[in-house]
Amino acid sequence: MHLGIEKIALLLLIAAVVSIAARRLRVPYSVGLVIAGIALAILPFAPQVELTKQLVFSAFLPPLVFEAAFQIRSSELRRELLLILVLATIGVVISAVVTAVGLHSIIGWTWVAAIAFGALISATDPVSVIATFKDAGVRGRIRLLVEAESLFNDGTAAVAFAIVLGVVAGQSVGVIGITKTLLIMIVGSLLCGAAVAGLALLLAGATDDRLVEITFMVVAAYGSFLLAEHFHLSGVLATLTAGLMVRNVGHLAIAAKDRTTVEEFWEYIAFVANSLIFLLIGIRIEHQTYRFVLGAALIAIAIVILGRAITVYSLCLLFRWSNRAVPLRHQHILFWGGLRGALALALALALPQEIAQRQEIVAVAFAVVAFSILVQGLTITPLLRSASSSSTPKPAPT
């Protein structure tokens, strides 16, 4: 079913009420929305909206990724880039391999099904991660690490997922083919994002109308994403590039007095997109049947958590003696804050019908995402606030 105006209005009304309640109850907003979506799905007047890959990718991800990238300073990103790239590439591969091997060995899934699930669930979801960190009001290095990793690792997961689908379709994929695909996706996505953002900034520089400037920024967010996806590249990476350019080069085209207006606009758009996507996730989770995969789902949750733990603690160990060392308390947050969400669900729903055990893969993916948002999302907030307060230097005595 299409997401019509009347359905959007109803969902936004519910989201506004949930926002008030979540603040008073001190519950993460994203968790409250998912719970509200689950409750809403039981009611007879619940909107019948299908959560699809097309809806997530075309409507929700572009503004959320752009707004998140718009908050990142290039100087901060450069300092942490090596660590972020290691986590977003090698980390995704390790997590996917651990998950695939575990599911094949313990549950007995076929290698194709296990690898497909490992590929789609291995990347942390930018939507869930960013929403949770905003709820907690965390700032500083740890927020940059977790959010930037979730934005970058989508590219690696997209390549892995595309390779799995290629194998299912009967294509032969080797080391050279994987390397070529990875390079094409990274370079092509960066070029798409830079080209669209550059054009938008050029046009924005020709006007002093802040509404027109905002319009060009919307074009940059959606245009970069859709252009990259059209060429089977990473829309998230392209939009990330566009957002970083607008943030760090946009001052040449957007007047300082207008930047506050632009920031407030994107903050509201992110609120709307987050509200809709988490409500729809809750509705879809309630409609999903888990009884026939309950045991597999519980095992998969444990394996996914184990894969994330191995990834974070082993890769952070590589930087232990460098000036980019990650404190142990921050490693705990990187581990437990690696949430899964709409991105994994969209990829699961995009699996071709002919893939082995598709129904089980989709059901288990929804179970892992439900655990991630509801359990990890609820328990990560105290860890975030604790790390944030302990990282803040105490004022010198007077």
Protein backbone atom coordinates (compact mmCIF):
# COMPACT_ATOMS: atom_id res chain seq x y z
CA MET A 1 0.00 0.00 0.00
CA HIS A 2 1.14 3.55 -0.75
CA LEU A 3 2.01 6.01 2.02
CA GLY A 4 -0.68 8.62 1.29
CA ILE A 5 -1.09 12.06 2.84
CA GLU A 6 -3.77 10.90 5.28
CA LYS A 7 -1.54 8.05 6.50
CA ILE A 8 1.45 10.35 6.87
CA ALA A 9 -0.67 12.82 8.90
CA LEU A 10 -1.89 10.04 11.21
CA LEU A 11 1.61 8.64 11.72
CA LEU A 12 3.07 12.09 12.42
CA LEU A 13 0.34 12.78 14.97
CA ILE A 14 1.20 9.51 16.71
CA ALA A 15 4.91 10.33 16.49
CA ALA A 16 4.40 13.72 18.14
CA VAL A 17 2.46 12.17 21.02
CA VAL A 18 5.08 9.42 21.38
CA SER A 19 7.82 12.06 21.45
CA ILE A 20 6.18 13.80 24.41
CA ALA A 21 5.60 10.52 26.24
CA ALA A 22 9.12 9.22 25.56
CA ARG A 23 10.69 12.40 26.90
CA ARG A 24 8.67 12.23 30.11
CA LEU A 25 9.32 8.52 30.58
CA ARG A 26 13.00 8.96 29.64
CA VAL A 27 12.74 6.28 26.98
CA PRO A 28 14.69 6.59 23.70
CA TYR A 29 12.43 8.13 21.08
CA SER A 30 13.23 5.45 18.49
CA VAL A 31 12.31 2.67 20.94
CA GLY A 32 9.06 4.42 21.83
CA LEU A 33 8.15 4.69 18.16
CA VAL A 34 8.75 1.00 17.50
CA ILE A 35 6.64 0.05 20.54
CA ALA A 36 3.93 2.45 19.34
CA GLY A 37 4.08 0.86 15.89
CA ILE A 38 3.67 -2.61 17.37
CA ALA A 39 0.66 -1.42 19.40
CA LEU A 40 -0.77 0.42 16.40
CA ALA A 41 -0.61 -2.70 14.23
CA ILE A 42 -3.06 -4.45 16.59
CA LEU A 43 -5.72 -1.75 16.19
CA PRO A 44 -8.37 -2.04 13.45
CA PHE A 45 -7.63 1.41 12.00
CA ALA A 46 -3.89 0.81 11.62
CA PRO A 47 -2.60 2.14 8.27
CA GLN A 48 -1.83 -0.67 5.85
CA VAL A 49 1.62 0.36 4.63
CA GLU A 50 4.18 -2.14 3.36
CA LEU A 51 7.76 -1.52 4.43
CA THR A 52 9.76 -2.11 1.25
CA LYS A 53 13.31 -1.60 0.07
CA GLN A 54 12.06 1.01 -2.39
CA LEU A 55 10.32 3.01 0.35
CA VAL A 56 13.33 2.90 2.69
CA PHE A 57 15.89 3.72 0.01
CA SER A 58 13.92 6.29 -2.00
CA ALA A 59 12.13 8.18 0.78
CA PHE A 60 13.86 7.80 4.14
CA LEU A 61 17.60 7.13 3.81
CA PRO A 62 18.63 10.17 1.68
CA PRO A 63 17.54 12.90 4.13
CA LEU A 64 18.70 10.95 7.19
CA VAL A 65 22.16 10.26 5.80
CA PHE A 66 22.53 13.80 4.43
CA GLU A 67 21.53 15.37 7.75
CA ALA A 68 23.96 13.13 9.66
CA ALA A 69 26.81 13.93 7.28
CA PHE A 70 25.92 17.62 7.50
CA GLN A 71 26.82 17.51 11.21
CA ILE A 72 30.32 16.05 10.64
CA ARG A 73 33.31 18.36 10.36
CA SER A 74 35.91 17.23 7.83
CA SER A 75 38.77 17.98 10.26
CA GLU A 76 37.29 15.58 12.85
CA LEU A 77 36.60 12.94 10.21
CA ARG A 78 40.15 13.07 8.85
CA ARG A 79 41.60 12.38 12.30
CA GLU A 80 39.52 9.21 12.70
CA LEU A 81 39.29 8.14 9.05
CA LEU A 82 41.69 5.17 9.21
CA LEU A 83 39.97 3.65 12.24
CA ILE A 84 36.52 4.24 10.73
CA LEU A 85 37.50 2.67 7.41
CA VAL A 86 38.99 -0.39 9.12
CA LEU A 87 35.78 -0.91 11.10
CA ALA A 88 33.59 -0.24 8.06
CA THR A 89 35.40 -2.62 5.71
CA ILE A 90 37.35 -5.35 7.51
CA GLY A 91 34.85 -5.17 10.35
CA VAL A 92 31.86 -5.81 8.10
CA VAL A 93 33.64 -8.77 6.48
CA ILE A 94 34.55 -10.31 9.86
CA SER A 95 31.01 -9.87 11.16
CA ALA A 96 29.49 -11.36 8.00
CA VAL A 97 31.83 -14.37 8.06
CA VAL A 98 31.23 -15.10 11.76
CA THR A 99 27.47 -14.85 11.23
CA ALA A 100 27.45 -17.04 8.12
CA VAL A 101 29.66 -19.74 9.64
CA GLY A 102 27.61 -19.76 12.84
CA LEU A 103 24.27 -20.08 11.08
CA HIS A 104 25.55 -22.82 8.78
CA SER A 105 27.22 -24.79 11.57
CA ILE A 106 24.65 -24.43 14.35
CA ILE A 107 21.31 -24.01 12.61
CA GLY A 108 22.17 -25.92 9.46
CA TRP A 109 21.23 -23.24 6.96
CA THR A 110 22.62 -23.68 3.45
CA TRP A 111 25.75 -21.70 2.69
CA VAL A 112 23.84 -19.44 0.29
CA ALA A 113 21.20 -18.59 2.91
CA ALA A 114 23.79 -18.14 5.69
CA ILE A 115 26.04 -15.90 3.59
CA ALA A 116 23.10 -13.84 2.35
CA PHE A 117 21.95 -13.24 5.92
CA GLY A 118 25.49 -12.43 7.05
CA ALA A 119 25.86 -9.87 4.27
CA LEU A 120 22.60 -8.04 4.96
CA ILE A 121 22.88 -8.04 8.77
CA SER A 122 26.62 -7.27 9.11
CA ALA A 123 26.44 -3.50 8.63
CA THR A 124 25.24 -1.33 11.49
CA ASP A 125 22.26 0.75 10.40
CA PRO A 126 22.77 4.53 10.07
CA VAL A 127 19.08 5.23 10.78
CA SER A 128 18.97 3.36 14.11
CA VAL A 129 22.43 4.40 15.28
CA ILE A 130 22.02 8.11 14.55
CA ALA A 131 18.55 8.27 16.08
CA THR A 132 19.72 6.58 19.28
CA PHE A 133 22.75 8.83 19.69
CA LYS A 134 20.67 11.95 19.15
CA ASP A 135 18.20 10.78 21.79
CA ALA A 136 21.00 10.40 24.33
CA GLY A 137 22.45 13.82 23.49
CA VAL A 138 25.97 12.40 23.21
CA ARG A 139 28.71 14.46 21.59
CA GLY A 140 32.42 14.03 21.00
CA ARG A 141 34.65 11.35 19.55
CA ILE A 142 32.56 8.30 20.39
CA ARG A 143 29.52 9.68 18.60
CA LEU A 144 31.64 10.46 15.55
CA LEU A 145 33.14 6.95 15.52
CA VAL A 146 29.85 5.09 15.80
CA GLU A 147 27.84 7.31 13.45
CA ALA A 148 30.56 7.59 10.80
CA GLU A 149 31.15 3.83 10.87
CA SER A 150 27.44 3.18 10.37
CA LEU A 151 27.42 5.56 7.40
CA PHE A 152 30.54 4.15 5.74
CA ASN A 153 29.98 0.43 6.29
CA ASP A 154 26.87 0.49 4.12
CA GLY A 155 29.15 0.52 1.07
CA THR A 156 30.91 -2.66 2.15
CA ALA A 157 27.62 -4.37 3.00
CA ALA A 158 26.15 -3.33 -0.37
CA VAL A 159 29.10 -4.89 -2.22
CA ALA A 160 28.83 -8.10 -0.18
CA PHE A 161 25.08 -8.25 -0.77
CA ALA A 162 25.49 -7.63 -4.51
CA ILE A 163 28.10 -10.42 -4.70
CA VAL A 164 25.74 -12.85 -2.93
CA LEU A 165 22.92 -12.00 -5.33
CA GLY A 166 25.35 -12.47 -8.22
CA VAL A 167 26.29 -15.93 -6.97
CA VAL A 168 22.60 -16.81 -6.60
CA ALA A 169 22.06 -15.70 -10.20
CA GLY A 170 24.84 -18.03 -11.33
CA GLN A 171 27.64 -15.51 -11.87
CA SER A 172 31.24 -16.50 -11.18
CA VAL A 173 32.87 -14.15 -8.69
CA GLY A 174 36.59 -14.21 -7.86
CA VAL A 175 39.04 -12.06 -5.92
CA ILE A 176 39.68 -9.84 -8.92
CA GLY A 177 35.96 -9.43 -9.51
CA ILE A 178 35.32 -8.52 -5.89
CA THR A 179 38.15 -5.97 -5.87
CA LYS A 180 36.93 -4.44 -9.11
CA THR A 181 33.36 -4.20 -7.83
CA LEU A 182 34.52 -2.60 -4.58
CA LEU A 183 36.66 0.02 -6.34
CA ILE A 184 33.94 0.86 -8.85
CA MET A 185 31.37 1.24 -6.09
CA ILE A 186 33.54 3.44 -3.88
CA VAL A 187 34.90 5.71 -6.61
CA GLY A 188 31.60 5.88 -8.48
CA SER A 189 29.63 6.72 -5.34
CA LEU A 190 32.08 9.45 -4.35
CA LEU A 191 31.90 10.97 -7.84
CA CYS A 192 28.09 10.89 -7.85
CA GLY A 193 27.90 12.63 -4.50
CA ALA A 194 30.56 15.21 -5.36
CA ALA A 195 29.04 16.01 -8.77
CA VAL A 196 25.49 16.53 -7.49
CA ALA A 197 26.61 18.49 -4.40
CA GLY A 198 28.95 20.64 -6.48
CA LEU A 199 26.16 21.52 -8.90
CA ALA A 200 23.75 22.27 -6.04
CA LEU A 201 26.27 24.55 -4.32
CA LEU A 202 27.03 26.31 -7.58
CA LEU A 203 23.34 27.06 -8.09
CA ALA A 204 22.85 28.01 -4.43
CA GLY A 205 25.67 30.53 -4.75
CA ALA A 206 23.69 32.36 -7.44
CA THR A 207 20.88 33.33 -5.05
CA ASP A 208 20.44 34.89 -1.63
CA ASP A 209 16.97 33.38 -1.14
CA ARG A 210 17.27 30.91 1.75
CA LEU A 211 14.24 28.92 0.57
CA VAL A 212 15.85 28.38 -2.81
CA GLU A 213 19.11 27.41 -1.09
CA ILE A 214 17.26 24.80 0.98
CA THR A 215 15.64 23.48 -2.19
CA PHE A 216 19.03 22.94 -3.77
CA MET A 217 20.18 21.09 -0.64
CA VAL A 218 17.16 18.76 -0.90
CA VAL A 219 18.09 18.14 -4.53
CA ALA A 220 21.66 17.35 -3.42
CA ALA A 221 20.45 14.81 -0.82
CA TYR A 222 18.00 12.93 -2.99
CA GLY A 223 19.78 13.50 -6.30
CA SER A 224 23.11 12.06 -5.12
CA PHE A 225 21.40 9.02 -3.58
CA LEU A 226 19.16 8.24 -6.55
CA LEU A 227 21.94 8.83 -9.09
CA ALA A 228 24.25 6.37 -7.31
CA GLU A 229 21.49 3.78 -6.93
CA HIS A 230 20.63 4.16 -10.63
CA PHE A 231 24.16 3.04 -11.50
CA HIS A 232 24.01 0.22 -8.85
CA LEU A 233 26.43 2.05 -6.56
CA SER A 234 26.08 2.97 -2.88
CA GLY A 235 23.45 5.67 -2.39
CA VAL A 236 24.45 6.08 1.25
CA LEU A 237 28.10 6.72 0.35
CA ALA A 238 27.09 9.21 -2.38
CA THR A 239 24.76 11.12 -0.06
CA LEU A 240 27.39 11.01 2.69
CA THR A 241 29.81 12.67 0.27
CA ALA A 242 27.23 15.29 -0.68
CA GLY A 243 26.45 16.08 2.95
CA LEU A 244 30.12 16.42 3.84
CA MET A 245 30.68 18.77 0.90
CA VAL A 246 27.73 20.97 1.80
CA ARG A 247 28.88 21.09 5.42
CA ASN A 248 32.54 21.87 4.75
CA VAL A 249 32.46 23.73 1.42
CA GLY A 250 28.95 25.15 1.58
CA HIS A 251 30.07 28.31 3.37
CA LEU A 252 31.36 29.48 0.00
CA ALA A 253 27.82 29.41 -1.40
CA ILE A 254 25.53 29.75 1.65
CA ALA A 255 25.67 32.87 3.77
CA ALA A 256 26.43 32.39 7.45
CA LYS A 257 23.05 33.85 8.47
CA ASP A 258 21.27 31.25 6.33
CA ARG A 259 23.16 28.23 7.66
CA THR A 260 21.09 28.16 10.86
CA THR A 261 17.91 28.03 8.80
CA VAL A 262 19.33 25.18 6.70
CA GLU A 263 20.38 23.25 9.83
CA GLU A 264 16.95 23.66 11.45
CA PHE A 265 15.25 22.51 8.25
CA TRP A 266 17.32 19.32 8.07
CA GLU A 267 16.80 18.65 11.76
CA TYR A 268 13.03 18.71 11.20
CA ILE A 269 13.23 16.56 8.05
CA ALA A 270 15.28 14.00 9.98
CA PHE A 271 12.64 14.02 12.73
CA VAL A 272 9.86 13.32 10.22
CA ALA A 273 11.81 10.56 8.44
CA ASN A 274 12.82 8.89 11.71
CA SER A 275 9.26 9.07 13.02
CA LEU A 276 7.79 7.39 9.97
CA ILE A 277 10.44 4.72 9.55
CA PHE A 278 10.44 3.52 13.17
CA LEU A 279 6.65 3.43 13.31
CA LEU A 280 6.59 1.37 10.11
CA ILE A 281 9.26 -0.96 11.50
CA GLY A 282 7.08 -1.52 14.58
CA ILE A 283 4.03 -2.23 12.44
CA ARG A 284 5.98 -4.67 10.26
CA ILE A 285 7.54 -6.43 13.26
CA GLU A 286 4.06 -7.06 14.69
CA HIS A 287 2.81 -8.49 11.39
CA GLN A 288 5.79 -10.83 11.02
CA THR A 289 5.39 -14.44 12.12
CA TYR A 290 8.24 -15.79 14.27
CA ARG A 291 6.95 -19.05 15.72
CA PHE A 292 8.45 -21.25 13.02
CA VAL A 293 11.91 -19.64 13.41
CA LEU A 294 11.97 -18.82 17.13
CA GLY A 295 14.94 -21.07 17.91
CA ALA A 296 16.85 -19.93 14.83
CA ALA A 297 16.12 -16.29 15.70
CA LEU A 298 17.51 -16.62 19.23
CA ILE A 299 20.67 -18.32 17.93
CA ALA A 300 21.05 -15.71 15.19
CA ILE A 301 20.80 -12.87 17.71
CA ALA A 302 23.59 -14.43 19.79
CA ILE A 303 25.77 -15.03 16.73
CA VAL A 304 25.29 -11.49 15.41
CA ILE A 305 26.26 -10.06 18.82
CA LEU A 306 29.30 -12.35 18.95
CA GLY A 307 30.37 -11.25 15.47
CA ARG A 308 30.10 -7.61 16.48
CA ALA A 309 32.13 -8.21 19.64
CA ILE A 310 34.92 -9.98 17.75
CA THR A 311 34.97 -7.18 15.19
CA VAL A 312 35.16 -4.25 17.59
CA TYR A 313 37.56 -5.59 20.20
CA SER A 314 39.98 -7.22 17.75
CA LEU A 315 40.20 -4.25 15.37
CA CYS A 316 40.47 -1.67 18.15
CA LEU A 317 43.39 -3.73 19.49
CA LEU A 318 45.28 -2.85 16.30
CA PHE A 319 45.20 0.83 17.33
CA ARG A 320 46.00 0.26 20.98
CA TRP A 321 49.52 1.70 20.80
CA SER A 322 48.73 4.54 18.39
CA ASN A 323 47.48 8.06 19.04
CA ARG A 324 44.07 6.87 17.78
CA ALA A 325 43.66 4.28 20.55
CA VAL A 326 40.04 3.71 21.60
CA PRO A 327 39.42 3.58 25.38
CA LEU A 328 37.85 0.36 26.58
CA ARG A 329 34.64 2.13 27.68
CA HIS A 330 34.26 3.46 24.13
CA GLN A 331 34.87 -0.01 22.72
CA HIS A 332 31.96 -1.25 24.79
CA ILE A 333 29.75 1.42 23.19
CA LEU A 334 31.02 0.61 19.70
CA PHE A 335 30.13 -3.02 20.37
CA TRP A 336 26.71 -2.61 21.97
CA GLY A 337 25.80 0.46 19.91
CA GLY A 338 26.13 -1.41 16.62
CA LEU A 339 22.38 -1.40 16.04
CA ARG A 340 20.58 -3.02 13.13
CA GLY A 341 17.46 -1.49 11.63
CA ALA A 342 15.73 -0.40 8.44
CA LEU A 343 18.71 -1.05 6.17
CA ALA A 344 18.88 -4.75 7.09
CA LEU A 345 15.12 -5.12 6.71
CA ALA A 346 15.14 -3.43 3.31
CA LEU A 347 17.89 -5.74 2.05
CA ALA A 348 16.12 -8.81 3.45
CA LEU A 349 12.88 -7.87 1.71
CA ALA A 350 14.84 -7.29 -1.52
CA LEU A 351 16.06 -10.91 -1.64
CA PRO A 352 14.84 -12.70 -4.76
CA GLN A 353 12.02 -15.19 -4.27
CA GLU A 354 14.10 -18.07 -5.60
CA ILE A 355 16.83 -17.82 -2.96
CA ALA A 356 16.93 -20.78 -0.58
CA GLN A 357 15.16 -20.31 2.77
CA ARG A 358 14.11 -16.73 1.92
CA GLN A 359 11.14 -16.81 4.32
CA GLU A 360 13.36 -17.85 7.22
CA ILE A 361 15.96 -15.19 6.36
CA VAL A 362 13.35 -12.41 6.38
CA ALA A 363 11.75 -13.59 9.64
CA VAL A 364 15.09 -13.94 11.44
CA ALA A 365 16.23 -10.54 10.14
CA PHE A 366 13.12 -8.94 11.66
CA ALA A 367 13.79 -10.74 14.95
CA VAL A 368 17.40 -9.49 15.08
CA VAL A 369 16.29 -5.93 14.29
CA ALA A 370 13.54 -6.09 16.94
CA PHE A 371 16.09 -7.19 19.55
CA SER A 372 18.57 -4.57 18.41
CA ILE A 373 16.17 -1.64 18.63
CA LEU A 374 14.19 -2.67 21.70
CA VAL A 375 16.86 -4.30 23.87
CA GLN A 376 20.10 -2.69 22.74
CA GLY A 377 18.36 0.63 22.09
CA LEU A 378 17.02 0.74 25.63
CA THR A 379 20.22 -0.36 27.35
CA ILE A 380 22.75 1.63 25.31
CA THR A 381 21.57 5.02 26.59
CA PRO A 382 23.02 4.67 30.13
CA LEU A 383 26.33 3.53 28.61
CA LEU A 384 26.36 6.51 26.25
CA ARG A 385 25.70 9.03 28.98
CA SER A 386 28.26 7.42 31.27
CA ALA A 387 30.96 7.55 28.59
CA SER A 388 30.05 11.10 27.66
CA SER A 389 30.28 12.33 31.26
CA SER A 390 33.52 10.49 31.93
CA SER A 391 35.04 11.94 28.75
CA THR A 392 34.23 15.52 29.78
CA PRO A 393 37.17 17.14 31.59
CA LYS A 394 36.40 18.46 35.03
CA PRO A 395 36.83 22.21 35.51
CA ALA A 396 39.99 23.30 37.24
CA PRO A 397 39.57 24.34 40.89
CA THR A 398 39.48 28.05 41.52
